[in-house]
N, C-alpha and C. Protein backbone atom coordinates (compact mmCIF):
# COMPACT_ATOMS: atom_id res chain seq x y z
N MET A 1 -35.14 16.99 -68.79
CA MET A 1 -35.27 15.56 -68.96
C MET A 1 -36.21 15.01 -67.87
N PRO A 2 -37.21 14.24 -68.24
CA PRO A 2 -38.16 13.71 -67.27
C PRO A 2 -37.52 12.62 -66.40
N ASN A 3 -38.07 12.51 -65.17
CA ASN A 3 -37.65 11.39 -64.30
C ASN A 3 -38.47 10.16 -64.68
N LEU A 4 -37.79 9.05 -64.70
CA LEU A 4 -38.49 7.79 -64.93
C LEU A 4 -38.49 7.05 -63.59
N ILE A 5 -39.69 6.72 -63.13
CA ILE A 5 -39.85 6.03 -61.85
C ILE A 5 -40.34 4.61 -62.17
N VAL A 6 -39.56 3.64 -61.79
CA VAL A 6 -39.93 2.23 -61.98
C VAL A 6 -40.26 1.63 -60.63
N THR A 7 -41.41 0.96 -60.53
CA THR A 7 -41.81 0.35 -59.28
C THR A 7 -42.06 -1.13 -59.50
N HIS A 8 -41.78 -1.91 -58.49
CA HIS A 8 -42.05 -3.35 -58.56
C HIS A 8 -42.21 -3.90 -57.16
N PRO A 9 -43.27 -3.50 -56.46
CA PRO A 9 -43.46 -3.98 -55.09
C PRO A 9 -43.76 -5.48 -55.08
N LEU A 10 -43.18 -6.16 -54.12
CA LEU A 10 -43.41 -7.60 -54.00
C LEU A 10 -44.20 -7.96 -52.73
N ALA A 11 -44.35 -6.96 -51.84
CA ALA A 11 -45.07 -7.19 -50.60
C ALA A 11 -45.77 -5.90 -50.23
N PRO A 12 -46.84 -5.98 -49.44
CA PRO A 12 -47.56 -4.79 -49.06
C PRO A 12 -46.66 -3.73 -48.39
N GLU A 13 -45.72 -4.18 -47.57
CA GLU A 13 -44.82 -3.22 -46.89
C GLU A 13 -43.98 -2.39 -47.88
N ASP A 14 -43.83 -2.86 -49.09
CA ASP A 14 -43.07 -2.11 -50.10
C ASP A 14 -43.75 -0.77 -50.47
N ASN A 15 -45.03 -0.65 -50.11
CA ASN A 15 -45.72 0.63 -50.36
C ASN A 15 -45.05 1.79 -49.64
N LEU A 16 -44.49 1.54 -48.47
CA LEU A 16 -43.86 2.63 -47.69
C LEU A 16 -42.72 3.25 -48.48
N ALA A 17 -41.85 2.42 -49.04
CA ALA A 17 -40.71 2.95 -49.82
C ALA A 17 -41.23 3.61 -51.10
N LEU A 18 -42.29 3.08 -51.68
CA LEU A 18 -42.88 3.63 -52.88
C LEU A 18 -43.43 5.05 -52.63
N TYR A 19 -44.19 5.21 -51.51
CA TYR A 19 -44.73 6.51 -51.20
C TYR A 19 -43.61 7.55 -51.04
N ARG A 20 -42.57 7.13 -50.33
CA ARG A 20 -41.44 8.05 -50.10
C ARG A 20 -40.68 8.35 -51.41
N GLN A 21 -40.49 7.36 -52.24
CA GLN A 21 -39.79 7.59 -53.49
C GLN A 21 -40.56 8.57 -54.36
N ILE A 22 -41.85 8.39 -54.46
CA ILE A 22 -42.63 9.32 -55.30
C ILE A 22 -42.75 10.68 -54.62
N GLY A 23 -42.92 10.70 -53.31
CA GLY A 23 -42.97 11.97 -52.61
C GLY A 23 -41.68 12.76 -52.79
N ASN A 24 -40.51 12.11 -52.69
CA ASN A 24 -39.25 12.80 -52.92
C ASN A 24 -39.07 13.24 -54.35
N SER A 25 -39.55 12.44 -55.29
CA SER A 25 -39.40 12.79 -56.71
C SER A 25 -40.19 14.04 -57.11
N PHE A 26 -41.33 14.25 -56.41
CA PHE A 26 -42.21 15.36 -56.78
C PHE A 26 -42.28 16.43 -55.70
N GLY A 27 -41.35 16.41 -54.74
CA GLY A 27 -41.36 17.41 -53.70
C GLY A 27 -42.59 17.38 -52.82
N ARG A 28 -43.11 16.20 -52.60
CA ARG A 28 -44.34 16.02 -51.79
C ARG A 28 -44.07 15.10 -50.61
N GLU A 29 -42.96 15.36 -49.92
CA GLU A 29 -42.54 14.51 -48.79
C GLU A 29 -43.58 14.46 -47.69
N GLU A 30 -44.19 15.58 -47.40
CA GLU A 30 -45.18 15.62 -46.30
C GLU A 30 -46.38 14.72 -46.64
N GLU A 31 -46.85 14.81 -47.87
CA GLU A 31 -47.97 14.00 -48.30
C GLU A 31 -47.59 12.51 -48.29
N ALA A 32 -46.35 12.24 -48.69
CA ALA A 32 -45.86 10.85 -48.68
C ALA A 32 -45.85 10.30 -47.26
N GLU A 33 -45.38 11.10 -46.31
CA GLU A 33 -45.36 10.63 -44.93
C GLU A 33 -46.75 10.43 -44.37
N SER A 34 -47.70 11.23 -44.82
CA SER A 34 -49.08 11.06 -44.40
C SER A 34 -49.61 9.72 -44.93
N LEU A 35 -49.29 9.40 -46.18
CA LEU A 35 -49.68 8.10 -46.73
C LEU A 35 -49.02 6.98 -45.94
N CYS A 36 -47.78 7.13 -45.61
CA CYS A 36 -47.04 6.09 -44.84
C CYS A 36 -47.73 5.85 -43.49
N GLU A 37 -48.15 6.94 -42.84
CA GLU A 37 -48.81 6.79 -41.53
C GLU A 37 -50.16 6.07 -41.69
N ARG A 38 -50.91 6.48 -42.70
CA ARG A 38 -52.22 5.82 -42.92
C ARG A 38 -52.05 4.36 -43.31
N PHE A 39 -51.08 4.07 -44.16
CA PHE A 39 -50.82 2.70 -44.55
C PHE A 39 -50.36 1.85 -43.33
N SER A 40 -49.41 2.38 -42.60
CA SER A 40 -48.91 1.64 -41.43
C SER A 40 -50.01 1.35 -40.43
N SER A 41 -50.91 2.31 -40.24
CA SER A 41 -52.01 2.09 -39.32
C SER A 41 -52.95 0.99 -39.83
N ALA A 42 -53.26 1.02 -41.10
CA ALA A 42 -54.14 -0.02 -41.71
C ALA A 42 -53.45 -1.40 -41.65
N LEU A 43 -52.15 -1.43 -41.91
CA LEU A 43 -51.41 -2.65 -41.86
C LEU A 43 -51.37 -3.24 -40.48
N SER A 44 -51.12 -2.39 -39.48
CA SER A 44 -51.12 -2.84 -38.10
C SER A 44 -52.47 -3.42 -37.68
N GLU A 45 -53.51 -2.75 -38.14
CA GLU A 45 -54.87 -3.21 -37.83
C GLU A 45 -55.11 -4.61 -38.40
N VAL A 46 -54.73 -4.80 -39.68
CA VAL A 46 -54.91 -6.12 -40.29
C VAL A 46 -54.10 -7.17 -39.59
N LYS A 47 -52.84 -6.86 -39.29
CA LYS A 47 -51.96 -7.83 -38.65
C LYS A 47 -52.41 -8.21 -37.24
N SER A 48 -53.17 -7.34 -36.60
CA SER A 48 -53.64 -7.61 -35.23
C SER A 48 -54.86 -8.53 -35.15
N LYS A 49 -55.48 -8.77 -36.32
CA LYS A 49 -56.71 -9.58 -36.32
C LYS A 49 -56.38 -11.09 -36.48
N PRO A 50 -57.11 -11.90 -35.78
CA PRO A 50 -56.89 -13.36 -35.87
C PRO A 50 -57.77 -13.92 -37.01
N PHE A 51 -57.21 -14.00 -38.21
CA PHE A 51 -57.97 -14.54 -39.33
C PHE A 51 -57.90 -16.07 -39.38
N GLU A 52 -58.97 -16.67 -39.83
CA GLU A 52 -58.97 -18.11 -40.06
C GLU A 52 -58.08 -18.36 -41.27
N GLU A 53 -57.14 -19.27 -41.16
CA GLU A 53 -56.25 -19.60 -42.27
C GLU A 53 -57.02 -20.45 -43.30
N ARG A 54 -56.91 -20.09 -44.58
CA ARG A 54 -57.55 -20.84 -45.65
C ARG A 54 -56.61 -20.96 -46.82
N ASN A 55 -56.64 -22.11 -47.50
CA ASN A 55 -55.92 -22.28 -48.75
C ASN A 55 -56.86 -21.90 -49.88
N VAL A 56 -56.47 -20.93 -50.67
CA VAL A 56 -57.35 -20.41 -51.72
C VAL A 56 -56.70 -20.54 -53.11
N LEU A 57 -57.54 -20.79 -54.08
CA LEU A 57 -57.10 -20.74 -55.48
C LEU A 57 -57.62 -19.41 -56.03
N TYR A 58 -56.69 -18.49 -56.25
CA TYR A 58 -57.05 -17.13 -56.67
C TYR A 58 -56.89 -17.07 -58.22
N LEU A 59 -58.01 -17.17 -58.91
CA LEU A 59 -57.95 -17.22 -60.39
C LEU A 59 -57.92 -15.84 -61.00
N ILE A 60 -57.02 -15.65 -61.96
CA ILE A 60 -56.90 -14.35 -62.65
C ILE A 60 -57.23 -14.44 -64.14
N TRP A 61 -57.38 -15.67 -64.64
CA TRP A 61 -57.64 -15.82 -66.07
C TRP A 61 -58.39 -17.11 -66.34
N LYS A 62 -59.08 -17.11 -67.46
CA LYS A 62 -59.85 -18.28 -67.89
C LYS A 62 -59.44 -18.59 -69.35
N GLU A 63 -59.28 -19.83 -69.67
CA GLU A 63 -58.90 -20.33 -70.99
C GLU A 63 -57.56 -19.76 -71.44
N PRO A 64 -56.49 -20.18 -70.84
CA PRO A 64 -56.36 -21.19 -69.83
C PRO A 64 -56.59 -20.59 -68.43
N TRP A 65 -56.93 -21.46 -67.49
CA TRP A 65 -57.01 -21.07 -66.08
C TRP A 65 -55.62 -20.63 -65.65
N MET A 66 -55.57 -19.49 -64.96
CA MET A 66 -54.30 -19.00 -64.44
C MET A 66 -54.51 -18.48 -63.02
N THR A 67 -53.44 -18.59 -62.23
CA THR A 67 -53.49 -18.14 -60.86
C THR A 67 -52.22 -17.35 -60.53
N VAL A 68 -52.00 -17.06 -59.28
CA VAL A 68 -50.79 -16.33 -58.85
C VAL A 68 -49.96 -17.24 -57.96
N SER A 69 -48.66 -17.10 -58.06
CA SER A 69 -47.77 -17.87 -57.13
C SER A 69 -47.65 -17.09 -55.83
N ARG A 70 -47.03 -17.72 -54.88
CA ARG A 70 -46.82 -17.07 -53.58
C ARG A 70 -45.75 -15.99 -53.65
N ASP A 71 -45.09 -15.91 -54.79
CA ASP A 71 -44.03 -14.91 -54.97
C ASP A 71 -44.56 -13.69 -55.71
N THR A 72 -45.76 -13.25 -55.31
CA THR A 72 -46.36 -12.07 -55.95
C THR A 72 -46.92 -11.14 -54.87
N TYR A 73 -47.07 -9.90 -55.25
CA TYR A 73 -47.67 -8.89 -54.36
C TYR A 73 -49.08 -9.34 -53.95
N VAL A 74 -49.85 -9.84 -54.91
CA VAL A 74 -51.23 -10.29 -54.61
C VAL A 74 -51.23 -11.34 -53.54
N SER A 75 -50.40 -12.36 -53.72
CA SER A 75 -50.36 -13.48 -52.79
C SER A 75 -49.93 -13.02 -51.37
N ARG A 76 -48.94 -12.19 -51.32
CA ARG A 76 -48.48 -11.72 -50.01
C ARG A 76 -49.50 -10.81 -49.34
N THR A 77 -50.28 -10.08 -50.15
CA THR A 77 -51.33 -9.25 -49.59
C THR A 77 -52.44 -10.13 -49.04
N LEU A 78 -52.86 -11.13 -49.80
CA LEU A 78 -53.90 -12.06 -49.33
C LEU A 78 -53.48 -12.77 -48.06
N ALA A 79 -52.22 -13.11 -47.95
CA ALA A 79 -51.72 -13.84 -46.80
C ALA A 79 -51.88 -13.04 -45.49
N LEU A 80 -51.86 -11.70 -45.60
CA LEU A 80 -52.08 -10.88 -44.40
C LEU A 80 -53.41 -11.19 -43.74
N ALA A 81 -54.37 -11.62 -44.53
CA ALA A 81 -55.73 -11.90 -44.01
C ALA A 81 -55.98 -13.40 -43.95
N GLY A 82 -54.92 -14.19 -43.89
CA GLY A 82 -55.05 -15.62 -43.70
C GLY A 82 -55.38 -16.42 -44.97
N LEU A 83 -55.27 -15.78 -46.11
CA LEU A 83 -55.61 -16.46 -47.36
C LEU A 83 -54.33 -16.86 -48.08
N ARG A 84 -53.98 -18.15 -48.00
CA ARG A 84 -52.77 -18.69 -48.62
C ARG A 84 -53.05 -19.18 -50.03
N THR A 85 -52.37 -18.63 -50.99
CA THR A 85 -52.65 -19.01 -52.39
C THR A 85 -52.09 -20.37 -52.68
N MET A 86 -52.79 -21.08 -53.56
CA MET A 86 -52.43 -22.42 -53.98
C MET A 86 -52.21 -22.37 -55.51
N PRO A 87 -51.37 -23.24 -56.04
CA PRO A 87 -50.60 -24.27 -55.39
C PRO A 87 -49.44 -23.64 -54.61
N ALA A 88 -49.02 -24.38 -53.58
CA ALA A 88 -47.98 -23.87 -52.67
C ALA A 88 -46.64 -23.68 -53.39
N ASN A 89 -46.32 -24.54 -54.32
CA ASN A 89 -45.00 -24.48 -54.98
C ASN A 89 -45.13 -24.30 -56.48
N ALA A 90 -45.72 -23.21 -56.88
CA ALA A 90 -45.87 -22.94 -58.31
C ALA A 90 -44.51 -22.59 -58.92
N GLY A 91 -44.25 -23.10 -60.11
CA GLY A 91 -42.99 -22.85 -60.78
C GLY A 91 -42.91 -21.46 -61.42
N ALA A 92 -44.02 -20.91 -61.83
CA ALA A 92 -44.04 -19.59 -62.46
C ALA A 92 -44.80 -18.63 -61.57
N ARG A 93 -44.57 -17.33 -61.79
CA ARG A 93 -45.28 -16.33 -61.00
C ARG A 93 -46.79 -16.35 -61.27
N TYR A 94 -47.15 -16.63 -62.51
CA TYR A 94 -48.56 -16.68 -62.90
C TYR A 94 -48.79 -18.03 -63.65
N PRO A 95 -48.88 -19.13 -62.88
CA PRO A 95 -48.95 -20.44 -63.51
C PRO A 95 -50.29 -20.71 -64.18
N GLU A 96 -50.21 -21.47 -65.27
CA GLU A 96 -51.39 -22.01 -65.92
C GLU A 96 -51.77 -23.30 -65.21
N LEU A 97 -53.07 -23.56 -65.14
CA LEU A 97 -53.56 -24.76 -64.49
C LEU A 97 -54.30 -25.62 -65.53
N LYS A 98 -54.05 -26.91 -65.51
CA LYS A 98 -54.78 -27.81 -66.40
C LYS A 98 -56.22 -27.98 -65.94
N ASP A 99 -56.40 -28.01 -64.63
CA ASP A 99 -57.75 -28.07 -64.06
C ASP A 99 -57.74 -27.36 -62.71
N LEU A 100 -58.87 -27.30 -62.07
CA LEU A 100 -58.97 -26.55 -60.82
C LEU A 100 -58.89 -27.42 -59.58
N ASN A 101 -58.53 -28.66 -59.77
CA ASN A 101 -58.39 -29.60 -58.66
C ASN A 101 -57.00 -29.51 -58.06
N VAL A 102 -56.73 -28.45 -57.33
CA VAL A 102 -55.42 -28.23 -56.71
C VAL A 102 -55.50 -28.75 -55.29
N ASP A 103 -54.65 -29.73 -54.98
CA ASP A 103 -54.64 -30.36 -53.66
C ASP A 103 -54.54 -29.30 -52.54
N GLY A 104 -55.41 -29.46 -51.57
CA GLY A 104 -55.38 -28.60 -50.38
C GLY A 104 -56.21 -27.32 -50.49
N THR A 105 -56.76 -27.07 -51.64
CA THR A 105 -57.57 -25.86 -51.81
C THR A 105 -58.90 -25.96 -51.08
N GLU A 106 -59.25 -24.91 -50.35
CA GLU A 106 -60.51 -24.91 -49.61
C GLU A 106 -61.55 -23.95 -50.20
N LEU A 107 -61.08 -23.00 -51.00
CA LEU A 107 -61.93 -21.95 -51.50
C LEU A 107 -61.35 -21.42 -52.84
N ILE A 108 -62.23 -21.15 -53.78
CA ILE A 108 -61.81 -20.55 -55.05
C ILE A 108 -62.23 -19.11 -55.03
N LEU A 109 -61.28 -18.21 -55.35
CA LEU A 109 -61.54 -16.80 -55.46
C LEU A 109 -61.42 -16.38 -56.92
N LEU A 110 -62.42 -15.72 -57.44
CA LEU A 110 -62.44 -15.20 -58.81
C LEU A 110 -62.15 -13.74 -58.79
N SER A 111 -61.02 -13.35 -59.32
CA SER A 111 -60.61 -11.93 -59.29
C SER A 111 -61.37 -11.12 -60.35
N SER A 112 -61.44 -9.84 -60.12
CA SER A 112 -62.14 -8.95 -61.06
C SER A 112 -61.23 -8.46 -62.18
N GLU A 113 -59.94 -8.78 -62.08
CA GLU A 113 -59.01 -8.44 -63.15
C GLU A 113 -57.74 -9.28 -63.04
N PRO A 114 -57.01 -9.52 -64.07
CA PRO A 114 -57.18 -8.93 -65.40
C PRO A 114 -58.38 -9.54 -66.19
N TYR A 115 -58.79 -10.78 -65.88
CA TYR A 115 -60.00 -11.32 -66.44
C TYR A 115 -61.18 -10.85 -65.56
N ARG A 116 -62.21 -10.41 -66.14
CA ARG A 116 -63.35 -9.88 -65.39
C ARG A 116 -64.33 -11.01 -65.06
N PHE A 117 -64.04 -11.76 -64.00
CA PHE A 117 -64.98 -12.79 -63.56
C PHE A 117 -66.22 -12.10 -62.99
N THR A 118 -67.35 -12.72 -63.24
CA THR A 118 -68.65 -12.17 -62.79
C THR A 118 -69.42 -13.20 -61.98
N GLU A 119 -70.56 -12.78 -61.52
CA GLU A 119 -71.46 -13.66 -60.76
C GLU A 119 -71.84 -14.89 -61.60
N LYS A 120 -71.99 -14.70 -62.89
CA LYS A 120 -72.30 -15.81 -63.80
C LYS A 120 -71.18 -16.86 -63.73
N HIS A 121 -69.92 -16.43 -63.75
CA HIS A 121 -68.81 -17.39 -63.64
C HIS A 121 -68.83 -18.09 -62.28
N ARG A 122 -69.11 -17.34 -61.23
CA ARG A 122 -69.14 -17.91 -59.89
C ARG A 122 -70.16 -19.01 -59.80
N LYS A 123 -71.39 -18.72 -60.27
CA LYS A 123 -72.45 -19.74 -60.23
C LYS A 123 -72.10 -20.97 -61.05
N GLU A 124 -71.54 -20.74 -62.22
CA GLU A 124 -71.15 -21.84 -63.12
C GLU A 124 -70.11 -22.73 -62.44
N LEU A 125 -69.08 -22.10 -61.85
CA LEU A 125 -68.03 -22.90 -61.18
C LEU A 125 -68.59 -23.65 -59.99
N GLU A 126 -69.44 -23.02 -59.22
CA GLU A 126 -70.00 -23.70 -58.04
C GLU A 126 -70.81 -24.92 -58.43
N ARG A 127 -71.43 -24.90 -59.60
CA ARG A 127 -72.20 -26.07 -60.05
C ARG A 127 -71.27 -27.22 -60.37
N HIS A 128 -70.03 -26.93 -60.77
CA HIS A 128 -69.09 -27.97 -61.25
C HIS A 128 -67.96 -28.26 -60.27
N GLN A 129 -67.89 -27.52 -59.17
CA GLN A 129 -66.80 -27.68 -58.19
C GLN A 129 -67.38 -28.01 -56.83
N PRO A 130 -66.69 -28.85 -56.05
CA PRO A 130 -67.19 -29.14 -54.71
C PRO A 130 -66.81 -28.04 -53.71
N LEU A 131 -66.09 -27.03 -54.17
CA LEU A 131 -65.60 -25.96 -53.26
C LEU A 131 -66.47 -24.71 -53.37
N PRO A 132 -66.50 -23.92 -52.29
CA PRO A 132 -67.17 -22.62 -52.42
C PRO A 132 -66.36 -21.72 -53.34
N VAL A 133 -67.05 -20.84 -54.04
CA VAL A 133 -66.45 -19.90 -54.97
C VAL A 133 -66.93 -18.51 -54.63
N ARG A 134 -66.00 -17.54 -54.53
CA ARG A 134 -66.36 -16.14 -54.19
C ARG A 134 -65.69 -15.21 -55.19
N LEU A 135 -66.37 -14.10 -55.47
CA LEU A 135 -65.77 -13.02 -56.25
C LEU A 135 -64.97 -12.15 -55.31
N ILE A 136 -63.86 -11.60 -55.82
CA ILE A 136 -63.03 -10.72 -55.02
C ILE A 136 -62.56 -9.53 -55.90
N ASP A 137 -62.56 -8.37 -55.29
CA ASP A 137 -62.19 -7.15 -56.00
C ASP A 137 -60.64 -7.09 -56.12
N ALA A 138 -60.16 -7.37 -57.30
CA ALA A 138 -58.70 -7.44 -57.53
C ALA A 138 -58.02 -6.07 -57.39
N GLU A 139 -58.76 -5.01 -57.65
CA GLU A 139 -58.16 -3.69 -57.45
C GLU A 139 -57.76 -3.50 -55.99
N MET A 140 -58.50 -4.12 -55.10
CA MET A 140 -58.24 -3.98 -53.68
C MET A 140 -57.13 -4.94 -53.20
N THR A 141 -56.84 -5.95 -53.96
CA THR A 141 -55.83 -6.92 -53.53
C THR A 141 -54.55 -6.85 -54.34
N SER A 142 -54.60 -6.16 -55.47
CA SER A 142 -53.38 -6.16 -56.33
C SER A 142 -52.85 -4.78 -56.67
N TRP A 143 -53.62 -3.73 -56.44
CA TRP A 143 -53.11 -2.39 -56.75
C TRP A 143 -52.34 -1.87 -55.57
N TYR A 144 -51.18 -1.40 -55.83
CA TYR A 144 -50.37 -0.82 -54.79
C TYR A 144 -50.43 0.68 -54.90
N GLY A 145 -49.72 1.40 -54.04
CA GLY A 145 -49.80 2.85 -53.98
C GLY A 145 -50.92 3.25 -53.04
N PRO A 146 -51.50 4.43 -53.20
CA PRO A 146 -52.54 4.90 -52.26
C PRO A 146 -53.72 3.96 -52.15
N ARG A 147 -54.04 3.24 -53.22
CA ARG A 147 -55.18 2.29 -53.21
C ARG A 147 -54.96 1.16 -52.18
N ALA A 148 -53.73 0.86 -51.86
CA ALA A 148 -53.38 -0.23 -50.94
C ALA A 148 -53.94 0.00 -49.55
N ILE A 149 -54.13 1.24 -49.14
CA ILE A 149 -54.67 1.53 -47.81
C ILE A 149 -56.11 1.03 -47.75
N ALA A 150 -56.94 1.40 -48.70
CA ALA A 150 -58.31 0.95 -48.74
C ALA A 150 -58.32 -0.57 -48.98
N GLY A 151 -57.37 -1.06 -49.74
CA GLY A 151 -57.28 -2.49 -50.03
C GLY A 151 -57.09 -3.32 -48.78
N LEU A 152 -56.30 -2.83 -47.82
CA LEU A 152 -56.10 -3.57 -46.59
C LEU A 152 -57.40 -3.65 -45.78
N VAL A 153 -58.10 -2.55 -45.72
CA VAL A 153 -59.39 -2.53 -45.02
C VAL A 153 -60.38 -3.49 -45.70
N TYR A 154 -60.46 -3.40 -47.01
CA TYR A 154 -61.35 -4.30 -47.80
C TYR A 154 -61.01 -5.75 -47.52
N LEU A 155 -59.72 -6.09 -47.61
CA LEU A 155 -59.31 -7.47 -47.47
C LEU A 155 -59.64 -8.03 -46.07
N ALA A 156 -59.44 -7.22 -45.04
CA ALA A 156 -59.77 -7.66 -43.69
C ALA A 156 -61.27 -7.97 -43.59
N GLN A 157 -62.10 -7.07 -44.16
CA GLN A 157 -63.54 -7.28 -44.12
C GLN A 157 -63.93 -8.50 -44.96
N PHE A 158 -63.30 -8.66 -46.12
CA PHE A 158 -63.58 -9.79 -46.99
C PHE A 158 -63.29 -11.10 -46.28
N SER A 159 -62.10 -11.22 -45.71
CA SER A 159 -61.68 -12.45 -45.06
C SER A 159 -62.55 -12.74 -43.85
N SER A 160 -62.83 -11.72 -43.03
CA SER A 160 -63.69 -11.89 -41.86
C SER A 160 -65.11 -12.34 -42.30
N GLY A 161 -65.58 -11.82 -43.41
CA GLY A 161 -66.90 -12.15 -43.89
C GLY A 161 -67.01 -13.58 -44.39
N LEU A 162 -65.89 -14.23 -44.72
CA LEU A 162 -65.94 -15.60 -45.18
C LEU A 162 -66.43 -16.54 -44.09
N SER A 163 -66.14 -16.20 -42.84
CA SER A 163 -66.55 -17.04 -41.70
C SER A 163 -68.04 -17.06 -41.51
N SER A 164 -68.69 -16.00 -41.92
CA SER A 164 -70.14 -15.88 -41.67
C SER A 164 -70.97 -16.48 -42.83
N ARG A 165 -70.29 -17.04 -43.82
CA ARG A 165 -71.06 -17.61 -44.96
C ARG A 165 -71.18 -19.09 -44.85
């Protein structure tokens, strides 16, 4: 009978338990601990940096516009690099927005998935919005597991790069 492994990480730190769970399930404890060490190192590095705090609208869908609440893995990952998702008190995990005028938002981020926002979308939004708009690699901010290690490095560079624009 096969093992069924169900995962539902809610924060970046949940990757540590995930690595160990999968490592134990497949007899790969040593490899799992190696991932834990690499992840912990990347996490410590990100947490040690002084990021500028920004309120961001992280869009994941168009027609209707949709974003992420603060009660998601994505939002908690972004927060590590000073990027606080808006709206602050969303009722749903993935709320629909009637418009993009969310009070307190300083920056709009267009994710690469599940909707594939492109440079064309970014330019279009910037023409109609008073806020800066940036594309962000959602695989690096929303995928957990081994990809989360590279994701932390990417996110730190992304957030730091916002200051220079």
